[in-house]
Amino acid sequence: MVEIQPIRVELEREEDGRILASVPDLPGVMAYGASEEEATRKVKSVALQVLADMIESGEDVPEPLKVLFVA
């Protein structure tokens, strides 16, 4: 498994036991999982897609995440 460090993820356990993972640097980017690992993997996948869409459309990437795209 590839570890994507620059994407900061916050985890929260819901009352029903699911884990909610969110990316504070990308408001609205969140995903649920049955475990912390699953929720983290899913939210990082969503975050990377959002970042790719931002780059493709010419939007600015949030500063803490620019390190992902340094060649």
PDB file of N, CA and C in Angstrom:
ATOM      1  N   MET A   1       0.843  -1.182   0.000  1.00  0.00           N
ATOM      2  CA  MET A   1       0.000   0.000   0.000  1.00  0.00           C
ATOM      3  C   MET A   1       0.884   1.239   0.000  1.00  0.00           C
ATOM      4  N   VAL A   2       0.506   2.244  -0.768  1.00  0.00           N
ATOM      5  CA  VAL A   2       1.237   3.498  -0.843  1.00  0.00           C
ATOM      6  C   VAL A   2       0.764   4.421   0.268  1.00  0.00           C
ATOM      7  N   GLU A   3       1.699   5.018   0.992  1.00  0.00           N
ATOM      8  CA  GLU A   3       1.360   5.944   2.073  1.00  0.00           C
ATOM      9  C   GLU A   3       1.473   7.374   1.545  1.00  0.00           C
ATOM     10  N   ILE A   4       0.388   8.137   1.650  1.00  0.00           N
ATOM     11  CA  ILE A   4       0.357   9.517   1.174  1.00  0.00           C
ATOM     12  C   ILE A   4       0.378  10.418   2.394  1.00  0.00           C
ATOM     13  N   GLN A   5       1.572  10.864   2.791  1.00  0.00           N
ATOM     14  CA  GLN A   5       1.730  11.606   4.032  1.00  0.00           C
ATOM     15  C   GLN A   5       1.201  13.036   4.008  1.00  0.00           C
ATOM     16  N   PRO A   6       1.400  13.821   2.941  1.00  0.00           N
ATOM     17  CA  PRO A   6       1.004  15.226   3.014  1.00  0.00           C
ATOM     18  C   PRO A   6      -0.492  15.464   3.204  1.00  0.00           C
ATOM     19  N   ILE A   7      -1.319  14.478   2.970  1.00  0.00           N
ATOM     20  CA  ILE A   7      -2.756  14.666   3.146  1.00  0.00           C
ATOM     21  C   ILE A   7      -3.102  14.373   4.606  1.00  0.00           C
ATOM     22  N   ARG A   8      -3.435  15.440   5.346  1.00  0.00           N
ATOM     23  CA  ARG A   8      -3.786  15.300   6.760  1.00  0.00           C
ATOM     24  C   ARG A   8      -5.236  14.839   6.857  1.00  0.00           C
ATOM     25  N   VAL A   9      -5.453  13.778   7.623  1.00  0.00           N
ATOM     26  CA  VAL A   9      -6.773  13.183   7.769  1.00  0.00           C
ATOM     27  C   VAL A   9      -7.183  13.247   9.238  1.00  0.00           C
ATOM     28  N   GLU A  10      -8.425  13.663   9.476  1.00  0.00           N
ATOM     29  CA  GLU A  10      -8.992  13.620  10.814  1.00  0.00           C
ATOM     30  C   GLU A  10     -10.032  12.514  10.862  1.00  0.00           C
ATOM     31  N   LEU A  11     -10.031  11.770  11.961  1.00  0.00           N
ATOM     32  CA  LEU A  11     -10.944  10.638  12.125  1.00  0.00           C
ATOM     33  C   LEU A  11     -11.905  10.893  13.279  1.00  0.00           C
ATOM     34  N   GLU A  12     -13.136  10.438  13.094  1.00  0.00           N
ATOM     35  CA  GLU A  12     -14.158  10.580  14.128  1.00  0.00           C
ATOM     36  C   GLU A  12     -15.054   9.350  14.100  1.00  0.00           C
ATOM     37  N   ARG A  13     -15.314   8.777  15.266  1.00  0.00           N
ATOM     38  CA  ARG A  13     -16.201   7.610  15.331  1.00  0.00           C
ATOM     39  C   ARG A  13     -17.640   8.093  15.480  1.00  0.00           C
ATOM     40  N   GLU A  14     -18.493   7.611  14.608  1.00  0.00           N
ATOM     41  CA  GLU A  14     -19.919   7.945  14.652  1.00  0.00           C
ATOM     42  C   GLU A  14     -20.619   7.065  15.697  1.00  0.00           C
ATOM     43  N   GLU A  15     -21.809   7.447  16.093  1.00  0.00           N
ATOM     44  CA  GLU A  15     -22.563   6.676  17.083  1.00  0.00           C
ATOM     45  C   GLU A  15     -22.852   5.251  16.627  1.00  0.00           C
ATOM     46  N   ASP A  16     -22.979   5.063  15.316  1.00  0.00           N
ATOM     47  CA  ASP A  16     -23.269   3.719  14.793  1.00  0.00           C
ATOM     48  C   ASP A  16     -22.013   2.868  14.623  1.00  0.00           C
ATOM     49  N   GLY A  17     -20.842   3.403  15.021  1.00  0.00           N
ATOM     50  CA  GLY A  17     -19.599   2.647  14.968  1.00  0.00           C
ATOM     51  C   GLY A  17     -18.748   2.902  13.740  1.00  0.00           C
ATOM     52  N   ARG A  18     -19.341   3.496  12.708  1.00  0.00           N
ATOM     53  CA  ARG A  18     -18.551   3.796  11.506  1.00  0.00           C
ATOM     54  C   ARG A  18     -17.525   4.877  11.818  1.00  0.00           C
ATOM     55  N   ILE A  19     -16.472   4.900  11.033  1.00  0.00           N
ATOM     56  CA  ILE A  19     -15.437   5.917  11.158  1.00  0.00           C
ATOM     57  C   ILE A  19     -15.628   6.924  10.034  1.00  0.00           C
ATOM     58  N   LEU A  20     -15.661   8.199  10.377  1.00  0.00           N
ATOM     59  CA  LEU A  20     -15.732   9.280   9.394  1.00  0.00           C
ATOM     60  C   LEU A  20     -14.352   9.905   9.295  1.00  0.00           C
ATOM     61  N   ALA A  21     -13.793   9.892   8.091  1.00  0.00           N
ATOM     62  CA  ALA A  21     -12.501  10.517   7.830  1.00  0.00           C
ATOM     63  C   ALA A  21     -12.736  11.765   6.990  1.00  0.00           C
ATOM     64  N   SER A  22     -12.036  12.834   7.343  1.00  0.00           N
ATOM     65  CA  SER A  22     -12.144  14.073   6.577  1.00  0.00           C
ATOM     66  C   SER A  22     -10.764  14.666   6.369  1.00  0.00           C
ATOM     67  N   VAL A  23     -10.661  15.531   5.349  1.00  0.00           N
ATOM     68  CA  VAL A  23      -9.407  16.206   5.017  1.00  0.00           C
ATOM     69  C   VAL A  23      -9.620  17.693   5.288  1.00  0.00           C
ATOM     70  N   PRO A  24      -9.093  18.210   6.392  1.00  0.00           N
ATOM     71  CA  PRO A  24      -9.326  19.607   6.755  1.00  0.00           C
ATOM     72  C   PRO A  24      -8.888  20.620   5.693  1.00  0.00           C
ATOM     73  N   ASP A  25      -7.864  20.282   4.921  1.00  0.00           N
ATOM     74  CA  ASP A  25      -7.363  21.201   3.895  1.00  0.00           C
ATOM     75  C   ASP A  25      -8.238  21.223   2.644  1.00  0.00           C
ATOM     76  N   LEU A  26      -9.195  20.309   2.559  1.00  0.00           N
ATOM     77  CA  LEU A  26     -10.130  20.246   1.439  1.00  0.00           C
ATOM     78  C   LEU A  26     -11.547  20.129   2.006  1.00  0.00           C
ATOM     79  N   PRO A  27     -12.144  21.247   2.391  1.00  0.00           N
ATOM     80  CA  PRO A  27     -13.477  21.205   3.003  1.00  0.00           C
ATOM     81  C   PRO A  27     -14.474  20.408   2.153  1.00  0.00           C
ATOM     82  N   GLY A  28     -15.214  19.555   2.838  1.00  0.00           N
ATOM     83  CA  GLY A  28     -16.221  18.749   2.163  1.00  0.00           C
ATOM     84  C   GLY A  28     -15.720  17.392   1.711  1.00  0.00           C
ATOM     85  N   VAL A  29     -14.407  17.161   1.769  1.00  0.00           N
ATOM     86  CA  VAL A  29     -13.854  15.870   1.364  1.00  0.00           C
ATOM     87  C   VAL A  29     -13.878  14.954   2.582  1.00  0.00           C
ATOM     88  N   MET A  30     -14.765  13.949   2.514  1.00  0.00           N
ATOM     89  CA  MET A  30     -14.904  13.013   3.623  1.00  0.00           C
ATOM     90  C   MET A  30     -15.375  11.665   3.105  1.00  0.00           C
ATOM     91  N   ALA A  31     -15.141  10.639   3.929  1.00  0.00           N
ATOM     92  CA  ALA A  31     -15.562   9.290   3.555  1.00  0.00           C
ATOM     93  C   ALA A  31     -15.749   8.471   4.821  1.00  0.00           C
ATOM     94  N   TYR A  32     -16.652   7.504   4.751  1.00  0.00           N
ATOM     95  CA  TYR A  32     -16.900   6.590   5.856  1.00  0.00           C
ATOM     96  C   TYR A  32     -16.194   5.264   5.604  1.00  0.00           C
ATOM     97  N   GLY A  33     -15.852   4.590   6.689  1.00  0.00           N
ATOM     98  CA  GLY A  33     -15.291   3.256   6.608  1.00  0.00           C
ATOM     99  C   GLY A  33     -15.628   2.477   7.858  1.00  0.00           C
ATOM    100  N   ALA A  34     -15.524   1.165   7.782  1.00  0.00           N
ATOM    101  CA  ALA A  34     -15.776   0.307   8.933  1.00  0.00           C
ATOM    102  C   ALA A  34     -14.611   0.349   9.922  1.00  0.00           C
ATOM    103  N   SER A  35     -13.425   0.718   9.431  1.00  0.00           N
ATOM    104  CA  SER A  35     -12.233   0.823  10.275  1.00  0.00           C
ATOM    105  C   SER A  35     -11.519   2.132   9.953  1.00  0.00           C
ATOM    106  N   GLU A  36     -10.580   2.517  10.815  1.00  0.00           N
ATOM    107  CA  GLU A  36      -9.795   3.725  10.556  1.00  0.00           C
ATOM    108  C   GLU A  36      -9.023   3.598   9.247  1.00  0.00           C
ATOM    109  N   GLU A  37      -8.459   2.424   9.006  1.00  0.00           N
ATOM    110  CA  GLU A  37      -7.674   2.202   7.794  1.00  0.00           C
ATOM    111  C   GLU A  37      -8.535   2.340   6.540  1.00  0.00           C
ATOM    112  N   GLU A  38      -9.723   1.749   6.567  1.00  0.00           N
ATOM    113  CA  GLU A  38     -10.611   1.814   5.412  1.00  0.00           C
ATOM    114  C   GLU A  38     -11.061   3.251   5.155  1.00  0.00           C
ATOM    115  N   ALA A  39     -11.464   3.958   6.201  1.00  0.00           N
ATOM    116  CA  ALA A  39     -11.917   5.336   6.043  1.00  0.00           C
ATOM    117  C   ALA A  39     -10.786   6.226   5.537  1.00  0.00           C
ATOM    118  N   THR A  40      -9.576   6.018   6.058  1.00  0.00           N
ATOM    119  CA  THR A  40      -8.417   6.809   5.624  1.00  0.00           C
ATOM    120  C   THR A  40      -8.110   6.543   4.163  1.00  0.00           C
ATOM    121  N   ARG A  41      -8.109   5.282   3.772  1.00  0.00           N
ATOM    122  CA  ARG A  41      -7.828   4.924   2.375  1.00  0.00           C
ATOM    123  C   ARG A  41      -8.858   5.554   1.442  1.00  0.00           C
ATOM    124  N   LYS A  42     -10.119   5.480   1.814  1.00  0.00           N
ATOM    125  CA  LYS A  42     -11.173   6.035   0.966  1.00  0.00           C
ATOM    126  C   LYS A  42     -11.072   7.550   0.852  1.00  0.00           C
ATOM    127  N   VAL A  43     -10.847   8.240   1.982  1.00  0.00           N
ATOM    128  CA  VAL A  43     -10.815   9.700   1.930  1.00  0.00           C
ATOM    129  C   VAL A  43      -9.587  10.203   1.175  1.00  0.00           C
ATOM    130  N   LYS A  44      -8.468   9.500   1.269  1.00  0.00           N
ATOM    131  CA  LYS A  44      -7.289   9.903   0.495  1.00  0.00           C
ATOM    132  C   LYS A  44      -7.538   9.726  -0.995  1.00  0.00           C
ATOM    133  N   SER A  45      -8.255   8.686  -1.371  1.00  0.00           N
ATOM    134  CA  SER A  45      -8.600   8.473  -2.770  1.00  0.00           C
ATOM    135  C   SER A  45      -9.476   9.615  -3.289  1.00  0.00           C
ATOM    136  N   VAL A  46     -10.484   9.989  -2.496  1.00  0.00           N
ATOM    137  CA  VAL A  46     -11.362  11.105  -2.876  1.00  0.00           C
ATOM    138  C   VAL A  46     -10.559  12.392  -2.961  1.00  0.00           C
ATOM    139  N   ALA A  47      -9.680  12.626  -1.985  1.00  0.00           N
ATOM    140  CA  ALA A  47      -8.874  13.849  -1.963  1.00  0.00           C
ATOM    141  C   ALA A  47      -7.989  13.946  -3.201  1.00  0.00           C
ATOM    142  N   LEU A  48      -7.377  12.854  -3.592  1.00  0.00           N
ATOM    143  CA  LEU A  48      -6.519  12.880  -4.782  1.00  0.00           C
ATOM    144  C   LEU A  48      -7.324  13.182  -6.040  1.00  0.00           C
ATOM    145  N   GLN A  49      -8.538  12.649  -6.127  1.00  0.00           N
ATOM    146  CA  GLN A  49      -9.393  12.945  -7.285  1.00  0.00           C
ATOM    147  C   GLN A  49      -9.783  14.418  -7.296  1.00  0.00           C
ATOM    148  N   VAL A  50     -10.135  14.963  -6.134  1.00  0.00           N
ATOM    149  CA  VAL A  50     -10.482  16.383  -6.040  1.00  0.00           C
ATOM    150  C   VAL A  50      -9.289  17.243  -6.438  1.00  0.00           C
ATOM    151  N   LEU A  51      -8.107  16.901  -5.947  1.00  0.00           N
ATOM    152  CA  LEU A  51      -6.902  17.659  -6.294  1.00  0.00           C
ATOM    153  C   LEU A  51      -6.606  17.586  -7.789  1.00  0.00           C
ATOM    154  N   ALA A  52      -6.760  16.399  -8.377  1.00  0.00           N
ATOM    155  CA  ALA A  52      -6.542  16.253  -9.819  1.00  0.00           C
ATOM    156  C   ALA A  52      -7.520  17.120 -10.600  1.00  0.00           C
ATOM    157  N   ASP A  53      -8.778  17.151 -10.169  1.00  0.00           N
ATOM    158  CA  ASP A  53      -9.783  17.994 -10.830  1.00  0.00           C
ATOM    159  C   ASP A  53      -9.440  19.473 -10.681  1.00  0.00           C
ATOM    160  N   MET A  54      -8.941  19.867  -9.500  1.00  0.00           N
ATOM    161  CA  MET A  54      -8.549  21.257  -9.275  1.00  0.00           C
ATOM    162  C   MET A  54      -7.416  21.659 -10.221  1.00  0.00           C
ATOM    163  N   ILE A  55      -6.431  20.805 -10.347  1.00  0.00           N
ATOM    164  CA  ILE A  55      -5.293  21.091 -11.228  1.00  0.00           C
ATOM    165  C   ILE A  55      -5.753  21.166 -12.676  1.00  0.00           C
ATOM    166  N   GLU A  56      -6.580  20.210 -13.086  1.00  0.00           N
ATOM    167  CA  GLU A  56      -7.068  20.170 -14.466  1.00  0.00           C
ATOM    168  C   GLU A  56      -7.854  21.430 -14.824  1.00  0.00           C
ATOM    169  N   SER A  57      -8.612  21.962 -13.857  1.00  0.00           N
ATOM    170  CA  SER A  57      -9.423  23.145 -14.144  1.00  0.00           C
ATOM    171  C   SER A  57      -8.702  24.455 -13.839  1.00  0.00           C
ATOM    172  N   GLY A  58      -7.420  24.360 -13.435  1.00  0.00           N
ATOM    173  CA  GLY A  58      -6.631  25.565 -13.219  1.00  0.00           C
ATOM    174  C   GLY A  58      -6.815  26.223 -11.864  1.00  0.00           C
ATOM    175  N   GLU A  59      -7.482  25.541 -10.933  1.00  0.00           N
ATOM    176  CA  GLU A  59      -7.667  26.092  -9.591  1.00  0.00           C
ATOM    177  C   GLU A  59      -6.368  25.966  -8.789  1.00  0.00           C
ATOM    178  N   ASP A  60      -6.228  26.822  -7.789  1.00  0.00           N
ATOM    179  CA  ASP A  60      -5.073  26.739  -6.901  1.00  0.00           C
ATOM    180  C   ASP A  60      -5.223  25.573  -5.945  1.00  0.00           C
ATOM    181  N   VAL A  61      -4.155  24.829  -5.775  1.00  0.00           N
ATOM    182  CA  VAL A  61      -4.121  23.725  -4.819  1.00  0.00           C
ATOM    183  C   VAL A  61      -3.797  24.327  -3.451  1.00  0.00           C
ATOM    184  N   PRO A  62      -4.498  23.925  -2.394  1.00  0.00           N
ATOM    185  CA  PRO A  62      -4.196  24.439  -1.064  1.00  0.00           C
ATOM    186  C   PRO A  62      -2.713  24.245  -0.713  1.00  0.00           C
ATOM    187  N   GLU A  63      -2.110  25.246  -0.124  1.00  0.00           N
ATOM    188  CA  GLU A  63      -0.670  25.255   0.161  1.00  0.00           C
ATOM    189  C   GLU A  63      -0.143  23.989   0.840  1.00  0.00           C
ATOM    190  N   PRO A  64      -0.802  23.476   1.880  1.00  0.00           N
ATOM    191  CA  PRO A  64      -0.236  22.281   2.544  1.00  0.00           C
ATOM    192  C   PRO A  64      -0.161  21.058   1.633  1.00  0.00           C
ATOM    193  N   LEU A  65      -0.900  21.061   0.527  1.00  0.00           N
ATOM    194  CA  LEU A  65      -0.938  19.888  -0.355  1.00  0.00           C
ATOM    195  C   LEU A  65      -0.072  20.049  -1.596  1.00  0.00           C
ATOM    196  N   LYS A  66       0.533  21.213  -1.795  1.00  0.00           N
ATOM    197  CA  LYS A  66       1.338  21.434  -3.003  1.00  0.00           C
ATOM    198  C   LYS A  66       2.542  20.500  -3.070  1.00  0.00           C
ATOM    199  N   VAL A  67       3.031  20.037  -1.951  1.00  0.00           N
ATOM    200  CA  VAL A  67       4.185  19.144  -1.936  1.00  0.00           C
ATOM    201  C   VAL A  67       3.911  17.849  -2.705  1.00  0.00           C
ATOM    202  N   LEU A  68       2.648  17.473  -2.832  1.00  0.00           N
ATOM    203  CA  LEU A  68       2.283  16.283  -3.592  1.00  0.00           C
ATOM    204  C   LEU A  68       2.635  16.412  -5.073  1.00  0.00           C
ATOM    205  N   PHE A  69       2.709  17.641  -5.554  1.00  0.00           N
ATOM    206  CA  PHE A  69       2.815  17.862  -6.991  1.00  0.00           C
ATOM    207  C   PHE A  69       4.134  18.485  -7.419  1.00  0.00           C
ATOM    208  N   VAL A  70       5.151  18.447  -6.543  1.00  0.00           N
ATOM    209  CA  VAL A  70       6.468  18.951  -6.895  1.00  0.00           C
ATOM    210  C   VAL A  70       7.184  17.853  -7.673  1.00  0.00           C
ATOM    211  N   ALA A  71       7.657  18.220  -8.856  1.00  0.00           N
ATOM    212  CA  ALA A  71       8.317  17.221  -9.718  1.00  0.00           C
ATOM    213  C   ALA A  71       9.773  17.061  -9.360  1.00  0.00           C
TER     214      ALA A  71
END
